[in-house]
């Protein structure tokens, strides 16, 4: 017999242990994703549309805001985070913080684990893809070694902010798709999670097309595969901070390698 582990009021339909993935994927701490099942508040499809549109606006600001240097680039990188979260606050009120949870020591270990997992996945997939297709370097990371001290510090700060934004940009649409599939289409929780995972990976990969010279194979296969680890970090912990922390650790490894002048640091990122 299974026992109910989702007991908050406001849920659209009751869920039991059977609706979760196994312990290797989801922690047994009683936590669940926000919004998709009416808790802490249900967001109607049009409200998710507002949030998703704000993600696009934030991305356009990040892409087209003039960035003559990494110090100035902190402005659009901050707006990339702030615009979608402001939209979430507009439609969800005080519950917008539900995507963020307190970070404990287990979460810090999870950040490190998923960063290492993603590096392993990136190198494995990247090595395979690079043997079949042309790959382009990440120009931001490639140029990191040429930056002065102030610019280099601004690059670390700005990239950290941007990577939080990338998780916001990806995981809010993940929750939107999860809601639509679970609450509106009536799919099971586990099926909805997998499909939302795939959809958000494609969304994340598509956003990187301009970064890599519209290289479809690199953007969707290499970069899209990064969502295996980063979204899994969110699925396991239900905490955007953990996914963002893993993403930051991952990218800063390559960034530091570029600053140190190690060849090939930007080839697969």
C-alpha atoms as a PDB file:
ATOM      1  CA  UNK A   1       0.000   0.000   0.000  1.00  0.00           C
ATOM      2  CA  UNK A   2       1.287   3.459  -0.866  1.00  0.00           C
ATOM      3  CA  UNK A   3       0.886   6.483   1.333  1.00  0.00           C
ATOM      4  CA  UNK A   4       0.060   9.990   0.240  1.00  0.00           C
ATOM      5  CA  UNK A   5       3.077  12.258   0.351  1.00  0.00           C
ATOM      6  CA  UNK A   6       1.481  15.361  -1.144  1.00  0.00           C
ATOM      7  CA  UNK A   7      -0.944  16.676   1.417  1.00  0.00           C
ATOM      8  CA  UNK A   8      -1.011  20.461   0.902  1.00  0.00           C
ATOM      9  CA  UNK A   9      -4.359  22.083   0.403  1.00  0.00           C
ATOM     10  CA  UNK A  10      -5.268  23.387  -3.015  1.00  0.00           C
ATOM     11  CA  UNK A  11      -3.903  20.496  -5.052  1.00  0.00           C
ATOM     12  CA  UNK A  12      -5.866  19.733  -8.185  1.00  0.00           C
ATOM     13  CA  UNK A  13      -5.853  15.984  -7.616  1.00  0.00           C
ATOM     14  CA  UNK A  14      -4.436  13.684  -4.950  1.00  0.00           C
ATOM     15  CA  UNK A  15      -0.979  12.206  -5.494  1.00  0.00           C
ATOM     16  CA  UNK A  16       0.718   9.251  -3.850  1.00  0.00           C
ATOM     17  CA  UNK A  17       4.207   7.778  -3.715  1.00  0.00           C
ATOM     18  CA  UNK A  18       3.433   5.974  -6.956  1.00  0.00           C
ATOM     19  CA  UNK A  19       3.358   9.329  -8.770  1.00  0.00           C
ATOM     20  CA  UNK A  20       6.976  10.002  -7.869  1.00  0.00           C
ATOM     21  CA  UNK A  21      10.101   8.678  -9.493  1.00  0.00           C
ATOM     22  CA  UNK A  22      12.324   6.429  -7.373  1.00  0.00           C
ATOM     23  CA  UNK A  23      14.597   7.660  -4.622  1.00  0.00           C
ATOM     24  CA  UNK A  24      17.510   7.895  -7.046  1.00  0.00           C
ATOM     25  CA  UNK A  25      15.647  10.669  -8.892  1.00  0.00           C
ATOM     26  CA  UNK A  26      13.424  12.365  -6.299  1.00  0.00           C
ATOM     27  CA  UNK A  27      14.133  12.883  -2.639  1.00  0.00           C
ATOM     28  CA  UNK A  28      11.630  11.613  -0.130  1.00  0.00           C
ATOM     29  CA  UNK A  29      11.393  14.927   1.706  1.00  0.00           C
ATOM     30  CA  UNK A  30       7.756  15.715   0.917  1.00  0.00           C
ATOM     31  CA  UNK A  31       8.657  18.561  -1.438  1.00  0.00           C
ATOM     32  CA  UNK A  32       7.043  18.935  -4.832  1.00  0.00           C
ATOM     33  CA  UNK A  33       7.196  21.314  -7.778  1.00  0.00           C
ATOM     34  CA  UNK A  34       5.306  24.565  -7.282  1.00  0.00           C
ATOM     35  CA  UNK A  35       2.299  25.711  -9.318  1.00  0.00           C
ATOM     36  CA  UNK A  36       1.768  22.688 -11.587  1.00  0.00           C
ATOM     37  CA  UNK A  37      -0.871  21.108  -9.317  1.00  0.00           C
ATOM     38  CA  UNK A  38      -2.499  24.139  -7.774  1.00  0.00           C
ATOM     39  CA  UNK A  39      -0.104  24.548  -4.843  1.00  0.00           C
ATOM     40  CA  UNK A  40       0.798  27.002  -3.461  1.00  0.00           C
ATOM     41  CA  UNK A  41      -1.432  28.677  -6.062  1.00  0.00           C
ATOM     42  CA  UNK A  42      -2.728  27.688  -9.486  1.00  0.00           C
ATOM     43  CA  UNK A  43      -1.571  29.797 -12.423  1.00  0.00           C
ATOM     44  CA  UNK A  44      -4.018  29.813 -15.330  1.00  0.00           C
ATOM     45  CA  UNK A  45      -2.599  29.262 -18.842  1.00  0.00           C
ATOM     46  CA  UNK A  46      -2.724  32.964 -19.662  1.00  0.00           C
ATOM     47  CA  UNK A  47      -0.647  33.701 -16.566  1.00  0.00           C
ATOM     48  CA  UNK A  48       1.937  31.159 -17.699  1.00  0.00           C
ATOM     49  CA  UNK A  49       1.829  32.920 -21.070  1.00  0.00           C
ATOM     50  CA  UNK A  50       2.790  36.166 -19.352  1.00  0.00           C
ATOM     51  CA  UNK A  51       5.698  34.452 -17.600  1.00  0.00           C
ATOM     52  CA  UNK A  52       6.901  32.747 -20.780  1.00  0.00           C
ATOM     53  CA  UNK A  53       6.674  36.038 -22.727  1.00  0.00           C
ATOM     54  CA  UNK A  54       8.755  37.698 -20.002  1.00  0.00           C
ATOM     55  CA  UNK A  55      11.394  34.979 -20.449  1.00  0.00           C
ATOM     56  CA  UNK A  56      11.543  35.901 -24.134  1.00  0.00           C
ATOM     57  CA  UNK A  57      11.796  39.613 -23.335  1.00  0.00           C
ATOM     58  CA  UNK A  58      14.612  38.960 -20.872  1.00  0.00           C
ATOM     59  CA  UNK A  59      16.436  36.895 -23.492  1.00  0.00           C
ATOM     60  CA  UNK A  60      16.047  39.644 -26.100  1.00  0.00           C
ATOM     61  CA  UNK A  61      17.441  42.207 -23.646  1.00  0.00           C
ATOM     62  CA  UNK A  62      20.403  39.933 -22.956  1.00  0.00           C
ATOM     63  CA  UNK A  63      20.970  39.406 -26.685  1.00  0.00           C
ATOM     64  CA  UNK A  64      20.587  42.937 -28.033  1.00  0.00           C
ATOM     65  CA  UNK A  65      21.618  45.217 -25.152  1.00  0.00           C
ATOM     66  CA  UNK A  66      24.987  46.792 -26.106  1.00  0.00           C
ATOM     67  CA  UNK A  67      27.774  45.089 -24.150  1.00  0.00           C
ATOM     68  CA  UNK A  68      31.124  46.809 -24.787  1.00  0.00           C
ATOM     69  CA  UNK A  69      32.652  45.022 -21.813  1.00  0.00           C
ATOM     70  CA  UNK A  70      31.865  42.619 -18.997  1.00  0.00           C
ATOM     71  CA  UNK A  71      31.235  45.437 -16.516  1.00  0.00           C
ATOM     72  CA  UNK A  72      28.453  46.911 -18.655  1.00  0.00           C
ATOM     73  CA  UNK A  73      27.213  43.407 -19.474  1.00  0.00           C
ATOM     74  CA  UNK A  74      26.177  42.969 -15.845  1.00  0.00           C
ATOM     75  CA  UNK A  75      23.162  45.200 -16.588  1.00  0.00           C
ATOM     76  CA  UNK A  76      21.483  43.032 -19.269  1.00  0.00           C
ATOM     77  CA  UNK A  77      22.497  39.885 -17.414  1.00  0.00           C
ATOM     78  CA  UNK A  78      20.694  41.170 -14.329  1.00  0.00           C
ATOM     79  CA  UNK A  79      17.630  42.122 -16.378  1.00  0.00           C
ATOM     80  CA  UNK A  80      17.670  38.621 -17.869  1.00  0.00           C
ATOM     81  CA  UNK A  81      16.984  37.330 -14.346  1.00  0.00           C
ATOM     82  CA  UNK A  82      14.778  40.154 -13.103  1.00  0.00           C
ATOM     83  CA  UNK A  83      12.252  40.418 -15.938  1.00  0.00           C
ATOM     84  CA  UNK A  84      10.908  36.831 -15.795  1.00  0.00           C
ATOM     85  CA  UNK A  85      10.896  36.798 -11.992  1.00  0.00           C
ATOM     86  CA  UNK A  86       9.038  40.117 -11.949  1.00  0.00           C
ATOM     87  CA  UNK A  87       6.429  38.596 -14.258  1.00  0.00           C
ATOM     88  CA  UNK A  88       6.158  35.551 -11.992  1.00  0.00           C
ATOM     89  CA  UNK A  89       5.665  37.857  -9.006  1.00  0.00           C
ATOM     90  CA  UNK A  90       2.995  39.730 -10.951  1.00  0.00           C
ATOM     91  CA  UNK A  91       0.920  36.611 -11.631  1.00  0.00           C
ATOM     92  CA  UNK A  92       1.744  34.557  -8.521  1.00  0.00           C
ATOM     93  CA  UNK A  93       1.983  37.291  -5.907  1.00  0.00           C
ATOM     94  CA  UNK A  94       3.997  36.454  -2.818  1.00  0.00           C
ATOM     95  CA  UNK A  95       4.222  32.816  -3.945  1.00  0.00           C
ATOM     96  CA  UNK A  96       6.773  33.637  -6.657  1.00  0.00           C
ATOM     97  CA  UNK A  97       9.535  32.578  -4.278  1.00  0.00           C
ATOM     98  CA  UNK A  98       8.255  28.983  -4.326  1.00  0.00           C
ATOM     99  CA  UNK A  99      10.819  28.107  -7.012  1.00  0.00           C
ATOM    100  CA  UNK A 100      13.555  28.879  -4.478  1.00  0.00           C
ATOM    101  CA  UNK A 101      14.066  26.870  -1.309  1.00  0.00           C
ATOM    102  CA  UNK A 102      16.513  27.139   1.544  1.00  0.00           C
ATOM    103  CA  UNK A 103      19.908  25.682   0.646  1.00  0.00           C
ATOM    104  CA  UNK A 104      21.265  23.052   3.018  1.00  0.00           C
ATOM    105  CA  UNK A 105      24.454  21.037   3.045  1.00  0.00           C
ATOM    106  CA  UNK A 106      22.823  18.279   0.980  1.00  0.00           C
ATOM    107  CA  UNK A 107      22.011  20.886  -1.640  1.00  0.00           C
ATOM    108  CA  UNK A 108      25.624  22.063  -1.788  1.00  0.00           C
ATOM    109  CA  UNK A 109      26.727  18.473  -2.369  1.00  0.00           C
ATOM    110  CA  UNK A 110      24.030  18.143  -5.025  1.00  0.00           C
ATOM    111  CA  UNK A 111      25.350  21.233  -6.811  1.00  0.00           C
ATOM    112  CA  UNK A 112      28.818  19.695  -7.007  1.00  0.00           C
ATOM    113  CA  UNK A 113      27.465  16.297  -8.066  1.00  0.00           C
ATOM    114  CA  UNK A 114      25.314  17.634 -10.881  1.00  0.00           C
ATOM    115  CA  UNK A 115      28.097  19.939 -12.076  1.00  0.00           C
ATOM    116  CA  UNK A 116      30.445  16.951 -12.374  1.00  0.00           C
ATOM    117  CA  UNK A 117      27.678  14.893 -13.992  1.00  0.00           C
ATOM    118  CA  UNK A 118      27.096  17.592 -16.585  1.00  0.00           C
ATOM    119  CA  UNK A 119      30.799  17.932 -17.368  1.00  0.00           C
ATOM    120  CA  UNK A 120      30.926  14.183 -17.972  1.00  0.00           C
ATOM    121  CA  UNK A 121      27.816  14.304 -20.172  1.00  0.00           C
ATOM    122  CA  UNK A 122      29.058  17.369 -22.071  1.00  0.00           C
ATOM    123  CA  UNK A 123      32.432  15.833 -22.855  1.00  0.00           C
ATOM    124  CA  UNK A 124      30.898  12.504 -23.846  1.00  0.00           C
ATOM    125  CA  UNK A 125      28.224  13.976 -26.094  1.00  0.00           C
ATOM    126  CA  UNK A 126      30.519  16.765 -27.290  1.00  0.00           C
ATOM    127  CA  UNK A 127      33.274  14.378 -28.304  1.00  0.00           C
ATOM    128  CA  UNK A 128      30.806  12.277 -30.276  1.00  0.00           C
ATOM    129  CA  UNK A 129      29.116  15.249 -31.943  1.00  0.00           C
ATOM    130  CA  UNK A 130      32.434  16.950 -32.793  1.00  0.00           C
ATOM    131  CA  UNK A 131      33.500  13.859 -34.733  1.00  0.00           C
ATOM    132  CA  UNK A 132      30.381  14.103 -36.887  1.00  0.00           C
ATOM    133  CA  UNK A 133      29.704  17.839 -37.102  1.00  0.00           C
ATOM    134  CA  UNK A 134      31.535  21.138 -37.003  1.00  0.00           C
ATOM    135  CA  UNK A 135      31.480  22.767 -33.547  1.00  0.00           C
ATOM    136  CA  UNK A 136      31.906  26.439 -32.726  1.00  0.00           C
ATOM    137  CA  UNK A 137      33.591  27.903 -29.646  1.00  0.00           C
ATOM    138  CA  UNK A 138      31.783  29.904 -27.006  1.00  0.00           C
ATOM    139  CA  UNK A 139      33.226  33.335 -27.793  1.00  0.00           C
ATOM    140  CA  UNK A 140      32.619  34.665 -24.288  1.00  0.00           C
ATOM    141  CA  UNK A 141      34.651  31.878 -22.707  1.00  0.00           C
ATOM    142  CA  UNK A 142      37.210  31.904 -25.510  1.00  0.00           C
ATOM    143  CA  UNK A 143      37.934  35.588 -24.880  1.00  0.00           C
ATOM    144  CA  UNK A 144      38.117  35.220 -21.089  1.00  0.00           C
ATOM    145  CA  UNK A 145      41.881  34.823 -21.125  1.00  0.00           C
ATOM    146  CA  UNK A 146      42.287  38.213 -22.806  1.00  0.00           C
ATOM    147  CA  UNK A 147      40.369  40.157 -20.152  1.00  0.00           C
ATOM    148  CA  UNK A 148      42.021  42.481 -17.673  1.00  0.00           C
ATOM    149  CA  UNK A 149      41.633  41.946 -13.946  1.00  0.00           C
ATOM    150  CA  UNK A 150      38.566  44.144 -13.498  1.00  0.00           C
ATOM    151  CA  UNK A 151      36.929  42.760 -16.619  1.00  0.00           C
ATOM    152  CA  UNK A 152      37.693  39.199 -15.542  1.00  0.00           C
ATOM    153  CA  UNK A 153      36.089  39.733 -12.127  1.00  0.00           C
ATOM    154  CA  UNK A 154      33.067  41.310 -13.850  1.00  0.00           C
ATOM    155  CA  UNK A 155      32.915  38.277 -16.152  1.00  0.00           C
ATOM    156  CA  UNK A 156      32.687  35.889 -13.197  1.00  0.00           C
ATOM    157  CA  UNK A 157      30.063  38.040 -11.468  1.00  0.00           C
ATOM    158  CA  UNK A 158      28.078  38.650 -14.638  1.00  0.00           C
ATOM    159  CA  UNK A 159      28.226  35.050 -15.797  1.00  0.00           C
ATOM    160  CA  UNK A 160      27.043  33.882 -12.386  1.00  0.00           C
ATOM    161  CA  UNK A 161      24.041  36.190 -12.644  1.00  0.00           C
ATOM    162  CA  UNK A 162      23.371  35.110 -16.217  1.00  0.00           C
ATOM    163  CA  UNK A 163      23.500  31.430 -15.310  1.00  0.00           C
ATOM    164  CA  UNK A 164      20.871  31.977 -12.629  1.00  0.00           C
ATOM    165  CA  UNK A 165      18.914  33.643 -15.427  1.00  0.00           C
ATOM    166  CA  UNK A 166      19.403  30.644 -17.691  1.00  0.00           C
ATOM    167  CA  UNK A 167      17.846  28.421 -15.052  1.00  0.00           C
ATOM    168  CA  UNK A 168      14.945  30.848 -14.621  1.00  0.00           C
ATOM    169  CA  UNK A 169      14.609  31.017 -18.422  1.00  0.00           C
ATOM    170  CA  UNK A 170      14.466  27.215 -18.664  1.00  0.00           C
ATOM    171  CA  UNK A 171      12.725  26.065 -15.498  1.00  0.00           C
ATOM    172  CA  UNK A 172       9.785  28.470 -15.577  1.00  0.00           C
ATOM    173  CA  UNK A 173       8.786  27.118 -19.017  1.00  0.00           C
ATOM    174  CA  UNK A 174       9.423  23.617 -17.626  1.00  0.00           C
ATOM    175  CA  UNK A 175       6.844  24.308 -14.910  1.00  0.00           C
ATOM    176  CA  UNK A 176       4.461  25.839 -17.453  1.00  0.00           C
ATOM    177  CA  UNK A 177       4.591  22.756 -19.681  1.00  0.00           C
ATOM    178  CA  UNK A 178       4.312  20.511 -16.613  1.00  0.00           C
ATOM    179  CA  UNK A 179       1.159  22.356 -15.564  1.00  0.00           C
ATOM    180  CA  UNK A 180      -0.412  22.189 -19.017  1.00  0.00           C
ATOM    181  CA  UNK A 181       0.307  18.478 -19.405  1.00  0.00           C
ATOM    182  CA  UNK A 182      -0.668  17.471 -15.881  1.00  0.00           C
ATOM    183  CA  UNK A 183      -3.514  19.833 -15.013  1.00  0.00           C
ATOM    184  CA  UNK A 184      -5.029  20.433 -18.447  1.00  0.00           C
ATOM    185  CA  UNK A 185      -4.096  17.412 -20.564  1.00  0.00           C
ATOM    186  CA  UNK A 186      -4.577  14.982 -17.679  1.00  0.00           C
ATOM    187  CA  UNK A 187      -1.289  13.130 -18.115  1.00  0.00           C
ATOM    188  CA  UNK A 188       0.325  11.348 -15.195  1.00  0.00           C
ATOM    189  CA  UNK A 189       2.813  13.321 -13.149  1.00  0.00           C
ATOM    190  CA  UNK A 190       5.775  11.212 -14.248  1.00  0.00           C
ATOM    191  CA  UNK A 191       4.880  11.367 -17.952  1.00  0.00           C
ATOM    192  CA  UNK A 192       4.319  15.115 -17.723  1.00  0.00           C
ATOM    193  CA  UNK A 193       7.710  15.588 -16.062  1.00  0.00           C
ATOM    194  CA  UNK A 194       9.549  13.675 -18.798  1.00  0.00           C
ATOM    195  CA  UNK A 195       7.804  15.562 -21.598  1.00  0.00           C
ATOM    196  CA  UNK A 196       8.346  18.923 -19.890  1.00  0.00           C
ATOM    197  CA  UNK A 197      12.001  17.955 -19.409  1.00  0.00           C
ATOM    198  CA  UNK A 198      12.376  17.303 -23.153  1.00  0.00           C
ATOM    199  CA  UNK A 199      10.495  20.468 -24.142  1.00  0.00           C
ATOM    200  CA  UNK A 200      12.607  22.665 -21.850  1.00  0.00           C
ATOM    201  CA  UNK A 201      15.806  21.062 -23.182  1.00  0.00           C
ATOM    202  CA  UNK A 202      14.786  21.951 -26.736  1.00  0.00           C
ATOM    203  CA  UNK A 203      13.892  25.461 -25.563  1.00  0.00           C
ATOM    204  CA  UNK A 204      17.287  25.808 -23.850  1.00  0.00           C
ATOM    205  CA  UNK A 205      19.138  24.486 -26.908  1.00  0.00           C
ATOM    206  CA  UNK A 206      17.274  26.806 -29.269  1.00  0.00           C
ATOM    207  CA  UNK A 207      18.228  29.817 -27.145  1.00  0.00           C
ATOM    208  CA  UNK A 208      21.908  28.974 -27.734  1.00  0.00           C
ATOM    209  CA  UNK A 209      21.659  28.944 -31.533  1.00  0.00           C
ATOM    210  CA  UNK A 210      22.893  32.564 -31.892  1.00  0.00           C
ATOM    211  CA  UNK A 211      25.775  31.863 -29.472  1.00  0.00           C
ATOM    212  CA  UNK A 212      27.103  29.059 -31.651  1.00  0.00           C
ATOM    213  CA  UNK A 213      26.560  30.546 -35.099  1.00  0.00           C
ATOM    214  CA  UNK A 214      23.218  28.746 -35.572  1.00  0.00           C
ATOM    215  CA  UNK A 215      24.946  25.390 -35.276  1.00  0.00           C
ATOM    216  CA  UNK A 216      21.904  23.141 -34.851  1.00  0.00           C
ATOM    217  CA  UNK A 217      23.791  19.976 -33.894  1.00  0.00           C
ATOM    218  CA  UNK A 218      25.875  21.725 -31.262  1.00  0.00           C
ATOM    219  CA  UNK A 219      23.008  23.730 -29.779  1.00  0.00           C
ATOM    220  CA  UNK A 220      20.518  20.882 -29.496  1.00  0.00           C
ATOM    221  CA  UNK A 221      22.769  17.872 -28.954  1.00  0.00           C
ATOM    222  CA  UNK A 222      25.624  19.256 -26.846  1.00  0.00           C
ATOM    223  CA  UNK A 223      24.022  22.240 -25.134  1.00  0.00           C
ATOM    224  CA  UNK A 224      20.581  20.629 -24.974  1.00  0.00           C
ATOM    225  CA  UNK A 225      22.098  17.597 -23.271  1.00  0.00           C
ATOM    226  CA  UNK A 226      23.196  19.869 -20.421  1.00  0.00           C
ATOM    227  CA  UNK A 227      19.560  19.949 -19.381  1.00  0.00           C
ATOM    228  CA  UNK A 228      19.807  16.290 -18.433  1.00  0.00           C
ATOM    229  CA  UNK A 229      21.887  17.203 -15.388  1.00  0.00           C
ATOM    230  CA  UNK A 230      20.671  20.708 -14.605  1.00  0.00           C
ATOM    231  CA  UNK A 231      16.959  19.933 -14.853  1.00  0.00           C
ATOM    232  CA  UNK A 232      17.537  16.702 -12.947  1.00  0.00           C
ATOM    233  CA  UNK A 233      19.018  18.827 -10.148  1.00  0.00           C
ATOM    234  CA  UNK A 234      15.712  20.727 -10.019  1.00  0.00           C
ATOM    235  CA  UNK A 235      13.618  17.562 -10.271  1.00  0.00           C
ATOM    236  CA  UNK A 236      15.497  16.037  -7.349  1.00  0.00           C
ATOM    237  CA  UNK A 237      15.562  19.056  -5.041  1.00  0.00           C
ATOM    238  CA  UNK A 238      12.660  21.240  -6.302  1.00  0.00           C
ATOM    239  CA  UNK A 239      15.072  24.119  -5.740  1.00  0.00           C
ATOM    240  CA  UNK A 240      16.146  26.464  -8.525  1.00  0.00           C
ATOM    241  CA  UNK A 241      19.180  27.482  -6.450  1.00  0.00           C
ATOM    242  CA  UNK A 242      20.593  23.965  -6.749  1.00  0.00           C
ATOM    243  CA  UNK A 243      20.216  23.863 -10.533  1.00  0.00           C
ATOM    244  CA  UNK A 244      21.753  27.333 -10.776  1.00  0.00           C
ATOM    245  CA  UNK A 245      24.616  26.412  -8.457  1.00  0.00           C
ATOM    246  CA  UNK A 246      25.435  23.323 -10.523  1.00  0.00           C
ATOM    247  CA  UNK A 247      25.292  25.401 -13.701  1.00  0.00           C
ATOM    248  CA  UNK A 248      27.601  28.048 -12.257  1.00  0.00           C
ATOM    249  CA  UNK A 249      30.143  25.509 -11.030  1.00  0.00           C
ATOM    250  CA  UNK A 250      30.072  23.785 -14.421  1.00  0.00           C
ATOM    251  CA  UNK A 251      30.628  26.933 -16.472  1.00  0.00           C
ATOM    252  CA  UNK A 252      33.180  28.406 -14.111  1.00  0.00           C
ATOM    253  CA  UNK A 253      35.339  25.300 -14.597  1.00  0.00           C
ATOM    254  CA  UNK A 254      35.539  26.077 -18.317  1.00  0.00           C
ATOM    255  CA  UNK A 255      35.813  29.809 -17.670  1.00  0.00           C
ATOM    256  CA  UNK A 256      38.730  29.315 -15.296  1.00  0.00           C
ATOM    257  CA  UNK A 257      40.402  27.006 -17.809  1.00  0.00           C
ATOM    258  CA  UNK A 258      40.098  29.744 -20.435  1.00  0.00           C
ATOM    259  CA  UNK A 259      41.445  32.408 -18.076  1.00  0.00           C
ATOM    260  CA  UNK A 260      44.377  30.094 -17.340  1.00  0.00           C
ATOM    261  CA  UNK A 261      44.994  29.786 -21.056  1.00  0.00           C
ATOM    262  CA  UNK A 262      44.202  26.087 -21.415  1.00  0.00           C
ATOM    263  CA  UNK A 263      43.556  25.175 -25.047  1.00  0.00           C
ATOM    264  CA  UNK A 264      40.110  23.979 -26.055  1.00  0.00           C
ATOM    265  CA  UNK A 265      38.345  25.204 -22.932  1.00  0.00           C
ATOM    266  CA  UNK A 266      35.511  26.756 -24.932  1.00  0.00           C
ATOM    267  CA  UNK A 267      35.104  24.129 -27.611  1.00  0.00           C
ATOM    268  CA  UNK A 268      32.266  22.150 -26.071  1.00  0.00           C
ATOM    269  CA  UNK A 269      30.536  24.736 -23.859  1.00  0.00           C
END
